[in-house]
Each structure stands twice: as structure tokens, then as C-alpha cells.
Amino acid sequence: MKIIINGHEKEIQQNTTVKQLLEDLKVLDKTMAVAVNMKIVKKDDWDKYTLQENDKVEALNFVGGG
């Protein structure tokens, strides 16, 4: 099925959770916040939140600098 992650189209398996997606992208340990269709998904729920066809996912991380 198709989702949009950070503005890029991606094919994923049915029943993929937010956590599985982040693991597949190798960004699980770098991601601080996730929103699906403009709604924040709590980190405690990443392993329970199943993505649906055409979901728009934004995975955010915090970058230090100055």
C-alpha cells in the first residue's frame, strides 16, 4: 500500500505500524515525534498505530546547532 512519508511516496506492507516503518527506514532511534494526517501519535503508541493507505506521515527529529 502507498503512504507519504515526509513528502515522499513509499510502498509499505499492509498492517505496518509506525514503529515498523521507522525501523525499516533506520530512523527509529533518531525520531522524536510522529504525526499521521496532522495528528501527533504518542511514542508509547508507535507499536500499536497501524498505518492506512494514503496516510501522510511526518517523522520529526531535533537537530542541534547554532
PDB file of N, CA and C in Angstrom:
ATOM      1  N   MET A   1       0.839  -1.175   0.000  1.00  0.00           N
ATOM      2  CA  MET A   1       0.000   0.000   0.000  1.00  0.00           C
ATOM      3  C   MET A   1       0.883   1.237   0.000  1.00  0.00           C
ATOM      4  N   LYS A   2       0.309   2.368  -0.341  1.00  0.00           N
ATOM      5  CA  LYS A   2       1.071   3.597  -0.500  1.00  0.00           C
ATOM      6  C   LYS A   2       0.804   4.566   0.648  1.00  0.00           C
ATOM      7  N   ILE A   3       1.894   5.175   1.155  1.00  0.00           N
ATOM      8  CA  ILE A   3       1.785   6.265   2.122  1.00  0.00           C
ATOM      9  C   ILE A   3       2.703   7.395   1.649  1.00  0.00           C
ATOM     10  N   ILE A   4       2.592   8.527   2.285  1.00  0.00           N
ATOM     11  CA  ILE A   4       3.505   9.637   2.050  1.00  0.00           C
ATOM     12  C   ILE A   4       4.273   9.850   3.352  1.00  0.00           C
ATOM     13  N   ILE A   5       5.595   9.753   3.295  1.00  0.00           N
ATOM     14  CA  ILE A   5       6.429   9.970   4.481  1.00  0.00           C
ATOM     15  C   ILE A   5       7.357  11.149   4.215  1.00  0.00           C
ATOM     16  N   ASN A   6       7.191  12.186   5.015  1.00  0.00           N
ATOM     17  CA  ASN A   6       7.978  13.414   4.877  1.00  0.00           C
ATOM     18  C   ASN A   6       7.996  13.915   3.431  1.00  0.00           C
ATOM     19  N   GLY A   7       6.819  13.847   2.801  1.00  0.00           N
ATOM     20  CA  GLY A   7       6.664  14.376   1.453  1.00  0.00           C
ATOM     21  C   GLY A   7       7.047  13.430   0.323  1.00  0.00           C
ATOM     22  N   HIS A   8       7.477  12.200   0.665  1.00  0.00           N
ATOM     23  CA  HIS A   8       7.887  11.230  -0.354  1.00  0.00           C
ATOM     24  C   HIS A   8       6.970  10.013  -0.325  1.00  0.00           C
ATOM     25  N   GLU A   9       6.552   9.582  -1.513  1.00  0.00           N
ATOM     26  CA  GLU A   9       5.696   8.411  -1.622  1.00  0.00           C
ATOM     27  C   GLU A   9       6.498   7.155  -1.316  1.00  0.00           C
ATOM     28  N   LYS A  10       5.886   6.233  -0.562  1.00  0.00           N
ATOM     29  CA  LYS A  10       6.561   4.983  -0.214  1.00  0.00           C
ATOM     30  C   LYS A  10       5.553   3.855  -0.189  1.00  0.00           C
ATOM     31  N   GLU A  11       5.971   2.717  -0.714  1.00  0.00           N
ATOM     32  CA  GLU A  11       5.162   1.499  -0.648  1.00  0.00           C
ATOM     33  C   GLU A  11       5.531   0.740   0.622  1.00  0.00           C
ATOM     34  N   ILE A  12       4.517   0.336   1.394  1.00  0.00           N
ATOM     35  CA  ILE A  12       4.743  -0.441   2.605  1.00  0.00           C
ATOM     36  C   ILE A  12       3.772  -1.618   2.625  1.00  0.00           C
ATOM     37  N   GLN A  13       4.037  -2.574   3.505  1.00  0.00           N
ATOM     38  CA  GLN A  13       3.152  -3.725   3.678  1.00  0.00           C
ATOM     39  C   GLN A  13       1.891  -3.324   4.438  1.00  0.00           C
ATOM     40  N   GLN A  14       0.799  -4.017   4.191  1.00  0.00           N
ATOM     41  CA  GLN A  14      -0.422  -3.831   4.984  1.00  0.00           C
ATOM     42  C   GLN A  14      -0.086  -4.111   6.441  1.00  0.00           C
ATOM     43  N   ASN A  15      -0.785  -3.471   7.342  1.00  0.00           N
ATOM     44  CA  ASN A  15      -0.636  -3.667   8.786  1.00  0.00           C
ATOM     45  C   ASN A  15       0.714  -3.208   9.343  1.00  0.00           C
ATOM     46  N   THR A  16       1.403  -2.325   8.624  1.00  0.00           N
ATOM     47  CA  THR A  16       2.660  -1.770   9.124  1.00  0.00           C
ATOM     48  C   THR A  16       2.347  -0.747  10.204  1.00  0.00           C
ATOM     49  N   THR A  17       3.057  -0.859  11.323  1.00  0.00           N
ATOM     50  CA  THR A  17       2.895   0.121  12.397  1.00  0.00           C
ATOM     51  C   THR A  17       3.890   1.266  12.199  1.00  0.00           C
ATOM     52  N   VAL A  18       3.660   2.348  12.929  1.00  0.00           N
ATOM     53  CA  VAL A  18       4.597   3.474  12.888  1.00  0.00           C
ATOM     54  C   VAL A  18       5.993   2.991  13.281  1.00  0.00           C
ATOM     55  N   LYS A  19       6.082   2.192  14.331  1.00  0.00           N
ATOM     56  CA  LYS A  19       7.381   1.692  14.792  1.00  0.00           C
ATOM     57  C   LYS A  19       8.073   0.870  13.714  1.00  0.00           C
ATOM     58  N   GLN A  20       7.331  -0.018  13.044  1.00  0.00           N
ATOM     59  CA  GLN A  20       7.916  -0.835  11.981  1.00  0.00           C
ATOM     60  C   GLN A  20       8.423   0.042  10.837  1.00  0.00           C
ATOM     61  N   LEU A  21       7.658   1.063  10.489  1.00  0.00           N
ATOM     62  CA  LEU A  21       8.072   1.970   9.424  1.00  0.00           C
ATOM     63  C   LEU A  21       9.391   2.648   9.780  1.00  0.00           C
ATOM     64  N   LEU A  22       9.485   3.169  10.995  1.00  0.00           N
ATOM     65  CA  LEU A  22      10.701   3.858  11.430  1.00  0.00           C
ATOM     66  C   LEU A  22      11.886   2.893  11.504  1.00  0.00           C
ATOM     67  N   GLU A  23      11.629   1.656  11.910  1.00  0.00           N
ATOM     68  CA  GLU A  23      12.696   0.649  11.925  1.00  0.00           C
ATOM     69  C   GLU A  23      13.171   0.355  10.506  1.00  0.00           C
ATOM     70  N   ASP A  24      12.231   0.188   9.579  1.00  0.00           N
ATOM     71  CA  ASP A  24      12.580  -0.086   8.175  1.00  0.00           C
ATOM     72  C   ASP A  24      13.389   1.054   7.568  1.00  0.00           C
ATOM     73  N   LEU A  25      13.078   2.274   7.959  1.00  0.00           N
ATOM     74  CA  LEU A  25      13.790   3.449   7.448  1.00  0.00           C
ATOM     75  C   LEU A  25      15.096   3.709   8.208  1.00  0.00           C
ATOM     76  N   LYS A  26      15.336   2.906   9.255  1.00  0.00           N
ATOM     77  CA  LYS A  26      16.530   3.032  10.098  1.00  0.00           C
ATOM     78  C   LYS A  26      16.633   4.405  10.755  1.00  0.00           C
ATOM     79  N   VAL A  27      15.484   4.924  11.204  1.00  0.00           N
ATOM     80  CA  VAL A  27      15.450   6.220  11.880  1.00  0.00           C
ATOM     81  C   VAL A  27      14.726   6.150  13.229  1.00  0.00           C
ATOM     82  N   LEU A  28      14.451   4.946  13.704  1.00  0.00           N
ATOM     83  CA  LEU A  28      13.702   4.803  14.948  1.00  0.00           C
ATOM     84  C   LEU A  28      14.394   5.522  16.105  1.00  0.00           C
ATOM     85  N   ASP A  29      15.705   5.340  16.241  1.00  0.00           N
ATOM     86  CA  ASP A  29      16.417   5.949  17.367  1.00  0.00           C
ATOM     87  C   ASP A  29      16.648   7.447  17.197  1.00  0.00           C
ATOM     88  N   LYS A  30      16.419   7.971  15.988  1.00  0.00           N
ATOM     89  CA  LYS A  30      16.621   9.399  15.713  1.00  0.00           C
ATOM     90  C   LYS A  30      15.323  10.197  15.729  1.00  0.00           C
ATOM     91  N   THR A  31      14.189   9.516  15.709  1.00  0.00           N
ATOM     92  CA  THR A  31      12.900  10.185  15.588  1.00  0.00           C
ATOM     93  C   THR A  31      12.354  10.562  16.958  1.00  0.00           C
ATOM     94  N   MET A  32      11.939  11.834  17.080  1.00  0.00           N
ATOM     95  CA  MET A  32      11.432  12.344  18.351  1.00  0.00           C
ATOM     96  C   MET A  32       9.905  12.462  18.363  1.00  0.00           C
ATOM     97  N   ALA A  33       9.318  12.690  17.204  1.00  0.00           N
ATOM     98  CA  ALA A  33       7.861  12.875  17.127  1.00  0.00           C
ATOM     99  C   ALA A  33       7.358  12.394  15.773  1.00  0.00           C
ATOM    100  N   VAL A  34       6.122  11.884  15.780  1.00  0.00           N
ATOM    101  CA  VAL A  34       5.491  11.419  14.545  1.00  0.00           C
ATOM    102  C   VAL A  34       4.066  11.951  14.505  1.00  0.00           C
ATOM    103  N   ALA A  35       3.695  12.470  13.348  1.00  0.00           N
ATOM    104  CA  ALA A  35       2.314  12.875  13.104  1.00  0.00           C
ATOM    105  C   ALA A  35       1.795  12.089  11.905  1.00  0.00           C
ATOM    106  N   VAL A  36       0.576  11.610  12.014  1.00  0.00           N
ATOM    107  CA  VAL A  36      -0.091  10.927  10.910  1.00  0.00           C
ATOM    108  C   VAL A  36      -1.336  11.726  10.590  1.00  0.00           C
ATOM    109  N   ASN A  37      -1.404  12.207   9.362  1.00  0.00           N
ATOM    110  CA  ASN A  37      -2.525  13.042   8.921  1.00  0.00           C
ATOM    111  C   ASN A  37      -2.730  14.231   9.869  1.00  0.00           C
ATOM    112  N   MET A  38      -1.608  14.860  10.228  1.00  0.00           N
ATOM    113  CA  MET A  38      -1.594  16.082  11.040  1.00  0.00           C
ATOM    114  C   MET A  38      -1.959  15.854  12.507  1.00  0.00           C
ATOM    115  N   LYS A  39      -2.009  14.607  12.954  1.00  0.00           N
ATOM    116  CA  LYS A  39      -2.297  14.307  14.358  1.00  0.00           C
ATOM    117  C   LYS A  39      -1.100  13.592  14.963  1.00  0.00           C
ATOM    118  N   ILE A  40      -0.629  14.113  16.109  1.00  0.00           N
ATOM    119  CA  ILE A  40       0.524  13.521  16.786  1.00  0.00           C
ATOM    120  C   ILE A  40       0.175  12.120  17.282  1.00  0.00           C
ATOM    121  N   VAL A  41       1.090  11.184  17.055  1.00  0.00           N
ATOM    122  CA  VAL A  41       0.971   9.832  17.593  1.00  0.00           C
ATOM    123  C   VAL A  41       1.990   9.735  18.729  1.00  0.00           C
ATOM    124  N   LYS A  42       1.519   9.461  19.932  1.00  0.00           N
ATOM    125  CA  LYS A  42       2.406   9.364  21.090  1.00  0.00           C
ATOM    126  C   LYS A  42       3.404   8.223  20.897  1.00  0.00           C
ATOM    127  N   LYS A  43       4.619   8.452  21.366  1.00  0.00           N
ATOM    128  CA  LYS A  43       5.687   7.459  21.211  1.00  0.00           C
ATOM    129  C   LYS A  43       5.281   6.109  21.797  1.00  0.00           C
ATOM    130  N   ASP A  44       4.542   6.112  22.892  1.00  0.00           N
ATOM    131  CA  ASP A  44       4.083   4.864  23.509  1.00  0.00           C
ATOM    132  C   ASP A  44       3.134   4.080  22.606  1.00  0.00           C
ATOM    133  N   ASP A  45       2.541   4.747  21.608  1.00  0.00           N
ATOM    134  CA  ASP A  45       1.571   4.105  20.720  1.00  0.00           C
ATOM    135  C   ASP A  45       2.154   3.717  19.360  1.00  0.00           C
ATOM    136  N   TRP A  46       3.417   4.011  19.106  1.00  0.00           N
ATOM    137  CA  TRP A  46       4.010   3.734  17.798  1.00  0.00           C
ATOM    138  C   TRP A  46       3.912   2.266  17.412  1.00  0.00           C
ATOM    139  N   ASP A  47       4.026   1.365  18.389  1.00  0.00           N
ATOM    140  CA  ASP A  47       3.982  -0.068  18.070  1.00  0.00           C
ATOM    141  C   ASP A  47       2.550  -0.584  17.912  1.00  0.00           C
ATOM    142  N   LYS A  48       1.558   0.257  18.215  1.00  0.00           N
ATOM    143  CA  LYS A  48       0.149  -0.135  18.102  1.00  0.00           C
ATOM    144  C   LYS A  48      -0.563   0.573  16.949  1.00  0.00           C
ATOM    145  N   TYR A  49      -0.010   1.704  16.496  1.00  0.00           N
ATOM    146  CA  TYR A  49      -0.682   2.526  15.489  1.00  0.00           C
ATOM    147  C   TYR A  49      -0.396   1.959  14.096  1.00  0.00           C
ATOM    148  N   THR A  50      -1.427   1.387  13.479  1.00  0.00           N
ATOM    149  CA  THR A  50      -1.294   0.781  12.160  1.00  0.00           C
ATOM    150  C   THR A  50      -1.603   1.818  11.079  1.00  0.00           C
ATOM    151  N   LEU A  51      -0.681   1.918  10.131  1.00  0.00           N
ATOM    152  CA  LEU A  51      -0.845   2.885   9.038  1.00  0.00           C
ATOM    153  C   LEU A  51      -1.855   2.378   8.014  1.00  0.00           C
ATOM    154  N   GLN A  52      -2.522   3.327   7.371  1.00  0.00           N
ATOM    155  CA  GLN A  52      -3.543   3.026   6.377  1.00  0.00           C
ATOM    156  C   GLN A  52      -3.123   3.590   5.016  1.00  0.00           C
ATOM    157  N   GLU A  53      -3.730   3.072   3.964  1.00  0.00           N
ATOM    158  CA  GLU A  53      -3.481   3.553   2.599  1.00  0.00           C
ATOM    159  C   GLU A  53      -3.620   5.070   2.540  1.00  0.00           C
ATOM    160  N   ASN A  54      -2.656   5.718   1.900  1.00  0.00           N
ATOM    161  CA  ASN A  54      -2.631   7.174   1.673  1.00  0.00           C
ATOM    162  C   ASN A  54      -2.424   8.025   2.918  1.00  0.00           C
ATOM    163  N   ASP A  55      -2.035   7.408   4.047  1.00  0.00           N
ATOM    164  CA  ASP A  55      -1.702   8.211   5.224  1.00  0.00           C
ATOM    165  C   ASP A  55      -0.537   9.129   4.894  1.00  0.00           C
ATOM    166  N   LYS A  56      -0.557  10.310   5.502  1.00  0.00           N
ATOM    167  CA  LYS A  56       0.553  11.260   5.372  1.00  0.00           C
ATOM    168  C   LYS A  56       1.272  11.288   6.705  1.00  0.00           C
ATOM    169  N   VAL A  57       2.518  10.810   6.695  1.00  0.00           N
ATOM    170  CA  VAL A  57       3.306  10.672   7.906  1.00  0.00           C
ATOM    171  C   VAL A  57       4.418  11.709   7.900  1.00  0.00           C
ATOM    172  N   GLU A  58       4.582  12.370   9.017  1.00  0.00           N
ATOM    173  CA  GLU A  58       5.712  13.284   9.216  1.00  0.00           C
ATOM    174  C   GLU A  58       6.493  12.762  10.407  1.00  0.00           C
ATOM    175  N   ALA A  59       7.755  12.392  10.163  1.00  0.00           N
ATOM    176  CA  ALA A  59       8.643  11.945  11.239  1.00  0.00           C
ATOM    177  C   ALA A  59       9.648  13.063  11.493  1.00  0.00           C
ATOM    178  N   LEU A  60       9.663  13.543  12.715  1.00  0.00           N
ATOM    179  CA  LEU A  60      10.485  14.704  13.054  1.00  0.00           C
ATOM    180  C   LEU A  60      11.601  14.320  14.007  1.00  0.00           C
ATOM    181  N   ASN A  61      12.748  14.928  13.783  1.00  0.00           N
ATOM    182  CA  ASN A  61      13.833  14.792  14.750  1.00  0.00           C
ATOM    183  C   ASN A  61      14.357  16.186  15.059  1.00  0.00           C
ATOM    184  N   PHE A  62      15.019  16.297  16.183  1.00  0.00           N
ATOM    185  CA  PHE A  62      15.536  17.596  16.612  1.00  0.00           C
ATOM    186  C   PHE A  62      17.009  17.669  16.282  1.00  0.00           C
ATOM    187  N   VAL A  63      17.392  18.773  15.667  1.00  0.00           N
ATOM    188  CA  VAL A  63      18.767  18.967  15.244  1.00  0.00           C
ATOM    189  C   VAL A  63      19.355  20.120  16.040  1.00  0.00           C
ATOM    190  N   GLY A  64      20.468  19.866  16.678  1.00  0.00           N
ATOM    191  CA  GLY A  64      21.153  20.931  17.410  1.00  0.00           C
ATOM    192  C   GLY A  64      22.035  21.737  16.488  1.00  0.00           C
ATOM    193  N   GLY A  65      22.386  22.886  16.914  1.00  0.00           N
ATOM    194  CA  GLY A  65      23.268  23.719  16.098  1.00  0.00           C
ATOM    195  C   GLY A  65      23.112  25.169  16.488  1.00  0.00           C
ATOM    196  N   GLY A  66      23.841  25.976  15.777  1.00  0.00           N
ATOM    197  CA  GLY A  66      23.704  27.375  16.131  1.00  0.00           C
ATOM    198  C   GLY A  66      24.458  28.277  15.217  1.00  0.00           C
TER     199      GLY A  66
END
